[in-house]
Amino acid sequence: QVQLVESGGGLVPPGGSLRLSCVASGFSFRNYRMNWYRQAPGKERERVARISQFGSTVTYAESVKGRFTISRDNAKNTVYLQMNSLKPEDTAVYYCNADSLGPPYWGQGTQVTVSS
């Protein structure tokens, strides 16, 4: 069955870094555009980064530009989110998402907390 499994979240002080990973299985990973979303308490889910099927095109939310980097390794069925210069407002549950022409797939999420 389809699975997206995120890892790498945790507690980090402001200015710190984390690297999230999402391992995919059960579908043809290289055919899917991959996204990272996040949802903070009381807020709507927002997309923070997107990468095209072979990584040639990436886009970011304005709030994370210059601090976050999305990448993928199609040989490992894995997408990454490198997060630097983290701020308290980056605190959220981060979700991996795969989208194509059909219904999207979602991971279970990983908590990122930025606090001193």
C-alpha atoms as a PDB file:
ATOM      1  CA  GLN A   1       0.000   0.000   0.000  1.00  0.00           C
ATOM      2  CA  VAL A   2       0.966   3.633  -0.385  1.00  0.00           C
ATOM      3  CA  GLN A   3       3.095   5.022   2.419  1.00  0.00           C
ATOM      4  CA  LEU A   4       4.833   8.313   3.074  1.00  0.00           C
ATOM      5  CA  VAL A   5       6.877   8.241   6.254  1.00  0.00           C
ATOM      6  CA  GLU A   6       8.354  11.483   7.571  1.00  0.00           C
ATOM      7  CA  SER A   7      11.187  11.729  10.063  1.00  0.00           C
ATOM      8  CA  GLY A   8      13.669  14.259  11.398  1.00  0.00           C
ATOM      9  CA  GLY A   9      11.407  16.545  13.398  1.00  0.00           C
ATOM     10  CA  GLY A  10      12.164  17.640  16.933  1.00  0.00           C
ATOM     11  CA  LEU A  11      12.878  20.518  19.289  1.00  0.00           C
ATOM     12  CA  VAL A  12      15.449  23.069  18.139  1.00  0.00           C
ATOM     13  CA  PRO A  13      16.398  26.550  19.428  1.00  0.00           C
ATOM     14  CA  PRO A  14      15.833  29.632  17.272  1.00  0.00           C
ATOM     15  CA  GLY A  15      18.508  29.883  14.614  1.00  0.00           C
ATOM     16  CA  GLY A  16      18.994  26.147  14.539  1.00  0.00           C
ATOM     17  CA  SER A  17      18.628  23.637  11.716  1.00  0.00           C
ATOM     18  CA  LEU A  18      16.745  20.440  11.024  1.00  0.00           C
ATOM     19  CA  ARG A  19      16.566  18.109   8.060  1.00  0.00           C
ATOM     20  CA  LEU A  20      13.293  16.359   7.398  1.00  0.00           C
ATOM     21  CA  SER A  21      13.087  13.192   5.322  1.00  0.00           C
ATOM     22  CA  CYS A  22      10.118  11.493   3.717  1.00  0.00           C
ATOM     23  CA  VAL A  23      10.430   7.956   2.379  1.00  0.00           C
ATOM     24  CA  ALA A  24       7.813   6.874  -0.131  1.00  0.00           C
ATOM     25  CA  SER A  25       6.628   3.397  -1.047  1.00  0.00           C
ATOM     26  CA  GLY A  26       3.762   1.742  -2.869  1.00  0.00           C
ATOM     27  CA  PHE A  27       3.657   4.073  -5.874  1.00  0.00           C
ATOM     28  CA  SER A  28       5.904   5.310  -8.670  1.00  0.00           C
ATOM     29  CA  PHE A  29       7.726   8.048  -6.787  1.00  0.00           C
ATOM     30  CA  ARG A  30       9.491   9.548  -9.800  1.00  0.00           C
ATOM     31  CA  ASN A  31       6.153  10.287 -11.463  1.00  0.00           C
ATOM     32  CA  TYR A  32       4.978  12.497  -8.616  1.00  0.00           C
ATOM     33  CA  ARG A  33       5.612  16.083  -7.756  1.00  0.00           C
ATOM     34  CA  MET A  34       6.523  16.242  -4.070  1.00  0.00           C
ATOM     35  CA  ASN A  35       5.566  18.860  -1.544  1.00  0.00           C
ATOM     36  CA  TRP A  36       6.142  19.760   2.077  1.00  0.00           C
ATOM     37  CA  TYR A  37       3.241  21.310   3.931  1.00  0.00           C
ATOM     38  CA  ARG A  38       2.974  22.488   7.497  1.00  0.00           C
ATOM     39  CA  GLN A  39       0.149  23.199   9.913  1.00  0.00           C
ATOM     40  CA  ALA A  40       0.519  25.226  13.075  1.00  0.00           C
ATOM     41  CA  PRO A  41      -2.066  25.071  15.883  1.00  0.00           C
ATOM     42  CA  GLY A  42      -5.163  27.057  14.964  1.00  0.00           C
ATOM     43  CA  LYS A  43      -3.926  27.746  11.435  1.00  0.00           C
ATOM     44  CA  GLU A  44      -4.645  26.324   8.012  1.00  0.00           C
ATOM     45  CA  ARG A  45      -2.270  23.910   6.378  1.00  0.00           C
ATOM     46  CA  GLU A  46       0.115  25.704   4.028  1.00  0.00           C
ATOM     47  CA  ARG A  47       2.528  24.483   1.394  1.00  0.00           C
ATOM     48  CA  VAL A  48       6.101  25.501   2.146  1.00  0.00           C
ATOM     49  CA  ALA A  49       8.010  23.853  -0.689  1.00  0.00           C
ATOM     50  CA  ARG A  50       7.467  21.938  -3.915  1.00  0.00           C
ATOM     51  CA  ILE A  51       9.784  20.017  -6.196  1.00  0.00           C
ATOM     52  CA  SER A  52       9.072  18.673  -9.660  1.00  0.00           C
ATOM     53  CA  GLN A  53       9.395  15.022 -10.631  1.00  0.00           C
ATOM     54  CA  PHE A  54      13.096  15.184 -11.512  1.00  0.00           C
ATOM     55  CA  GLY A  55      14.000  18.127  -9.315  1.00  0.00           C
ATOM     56  CA  SER A  56      14.410  20.699 -12.058  1.00  0.00           C
ATOM     57  CA  THR A  57      11.825  23.066 -10.620  1.00  0.00           C
ATOM     58  CA  VAL A  58      11.446  24.082  -6.978  1.00  0.00           C
ATOM     59  CA  THR A  59       9.186  26.664  -5.390  1.00  0.00           C
ATOM     60  CA  TYR A  60       8.934  28.008  -1.858  1.00  0.00           C
ATOM     61  CA  ALA A  61       6.544  29.959   0.281  1.00  0.00           C
ATOM     62  CA  GLU A  62       7.741  33.515   0.819  1.00  0.00           C
ATOM     63  CA  SER A  63       8.045  32.887   4.534  1.00  0.00           C
ATOM     64  CA  VAL A  64      10.758  30.237   4.067  1.00  0.00           C
ATOM     65  CA  LYS A  65      12.633  31.454   0.976  1.00  0.00           C
ATOM     66  CA  GLY A  66      16.366  31.568   1.555  1.00  0.00           C
ATOM     67  CA  ARG A  67      16.112  29.390   4.667  1.00  0.00           C
ATOM     68  CA  PHE A  68      14.575  26.085   3.495  1.00  0.00           C
ATOM     69  CA  THR A  69      15.756  23.818   0.695  1.00  0.00           C
ATOM     70  CA  ILE A  70      13.756  20.971  -0.807  1.00  0.00           C
ATOM     71  CA  SER A  71      15.499  18.138  -2.637  1.00  0.00           C
ATOM     72  CA  ARG A  72      14.775  14.581  -3.727  1.00  0.00           C
ATOM     73  CA  ASP A  73      16.580  11.346  -4.480  1.00  0.00           C
ATOM     74  CA  ASN A  74      14.509   9.262  -6.874  1.00  0.00           C
ATOM     75  CA  ALA A  75      16.832   6.276  -6.427  1.00  0.00           C
ATOM     76  CA  LYS A  76      15.932   6.244  -2.726  1.00  0.00           C
ATOM     77  CA  ASN A  77      12.271   7.297  -3.115  1.00  0.00           C
ATOM     78  CA  THR A  78      13.003  10.086  -0.669  1.00  0.00           C
ATOM     79  CA  VAL A  79      12.315  13.798  -0.473  1.00  0.00           C
ATOM     80  CA  TYR A  80      14.106  16.092   1.968  1.00  0.00           C
ATOM     81  CA  LEU A  81      13.543  19.477   3.530  1.00  0.00           C
ATOM     82  CA  GLN A  82      16.621  21.204   4.897  1.00  0.00           C
ATOM     83  CA  MET A  83      15.530  23.921   7.301  1.00  0.00           C
ATOM     84  CA  ASN A  84      18.041  26.530   8.448  1.00  0.00           C
ATOM     85  CA  SER A  85      17.762  29.697  10.539  1.00  0.00           C
ATOM     86  CA  LEU A  86      14.627  28.345  12.147  1.00  0.00           C
ATOM     87  CA  LYS A  87      12.233  30.748  13.831  1.00  0.00           C
ATOM     88  CA  PRO A  88       9.562  30.174  16.477  1.00  0.00           C
ATOM     89  CA  GLU A  89       6.929  30.794  13.801  1.00  0.00           C
ATOM     90  CA  ASP A  90       8.192  27.725  11.941  1.00  0.00           C
ATOM     91  CA  THR A  91       6.752  25.579  14.725  1.00  0.00           C
ATOM     92  CA  ALA A  92       4.217  23.214  13.159  1.00  0.00           C
ATOM     93  CA  VAL A  93       3.521  19.675  12.105  1.00  0.00           C
ATOM     94  CA  TYR A  94       5.252  19.129   8.780  1.00  0.00           C
ATOM     95  CA  TYR A  95       3.648  16.827   6.209  1.00  0.00           C
ATOM     96  CA  CYS A  96       5.004  15.194   3.103  1.00  0.00           C
ATOM     97  CA  ASN A  97       2.659  15.165   0.089  1.00  0.00           C
ATOM     98  CA  ALA A  98       2.798  13.510  -3.313  1.00  0.00           C
ATOM     99  CA  ASP A  99       0.638  14.839  -6.107  1.00  0.00           C
ATOM    100  CA  SER A 100      -0.020  13.892  -9.693  1.00  0.00           C
ATOM    101  CA  LEU A 101      -3.153  13.694 -11.833  1.00  0.00           C
ATOM    102  CA  GLY A 102      -4.889  11.427  -9.320  1.00  0.00           C
ATOM    103  CA  PRO A 103      -5.646  11.871  -5.623  1.00  0.00           C
ATOM    104  CA  PRO A 104      -2.716  13.124  -3.539  1.00  0.00           C
ATOM    105  CA  TYR A 105      -0.953  11.050  -0.916  1.00  0.00           C
ATOM    106  CA  TRP A 106      -0.109  12.307   2.568  1.00  0.00           C
ATOM    107  CA  GLY A 107       2.257  11.276   5.308  1.00  0.00           C
ATOM    108  CA  GLN A 108       1.376  11.221   8.984  1.00  0.00           C
ATOM    109  CA  GLY A 109       3.429  14.308   9.809  1.00  0.00           C
ATOM    110  CA  THR A 110       6.402  15.120  12.002  1.00  0.00           C
ATOM    111  CA  GLN A 111       6.433  17.769  14.713  1.00  0.00           C
ATOM    112  CA  VAL A 112       8.916  20.634  14.504  1.00  0.00           C
ATOM    113  CA  THR A 113       9.164  22.904  17.540  1.00  0.00           C
ATOM    114  CA  VAL A 114      11.401  25.958  17.551  1.00  0.00           C
ATOM    115  CA  SER A 115      11.867  27.253  21.069  1.00  0.00           C
ATOM    116  CA  SER A 116      14.559  28.266  23.503  1.00  0.00           C
END
